[in-house]
Amino acid sequence: MFAERFLFQEFAELCFALARSDGSTEPLEVVEFNKVMRREFSGKDWFPSDDRYDMLTGTRTPTVNEAFTNVIHVLRLNKDDLTQDMKDKYVFVLRRIAEVFGGVEEMEDFIIERFKYEINRL
């Protein structure tokens, strides 16, 4: 299997950037972010044991557009290894993260739909 861990890191940065795009986040939102990531990705041998949100807070903070570009690039490089189930999961998680953080705003919906379009082209 391809470098799922690297893809997850890029995808997590997109989720993080989307979550932060409307400003700061509340503690409950951070808890929900971590819950979603654990529920959907734990059990993988590459899944980090620490809370994903806290790890991302301490690293670089890409813009939504930078994170989007990075994750699409990694997806394109590994398109032969992507299954439809994986594509569906990434779209689901991205939408779920947006819903947790104050509902899906117009800009967030645009990014999610654009991500869905790009990932399904692969």
Foldseek 3Di string as FASTA:
>chain_A
DPPVLVLVLLLLLLLLQLLCVVDDADPVLLVVLQVLCCVLDPPDPNDDPDRSNVVSVPDDRDHNVVSLVVNLVVCVVVVVVDDVVNLVSSLVSSQSSCCSRPHNDPVSVVSSVVSSVSNVVD
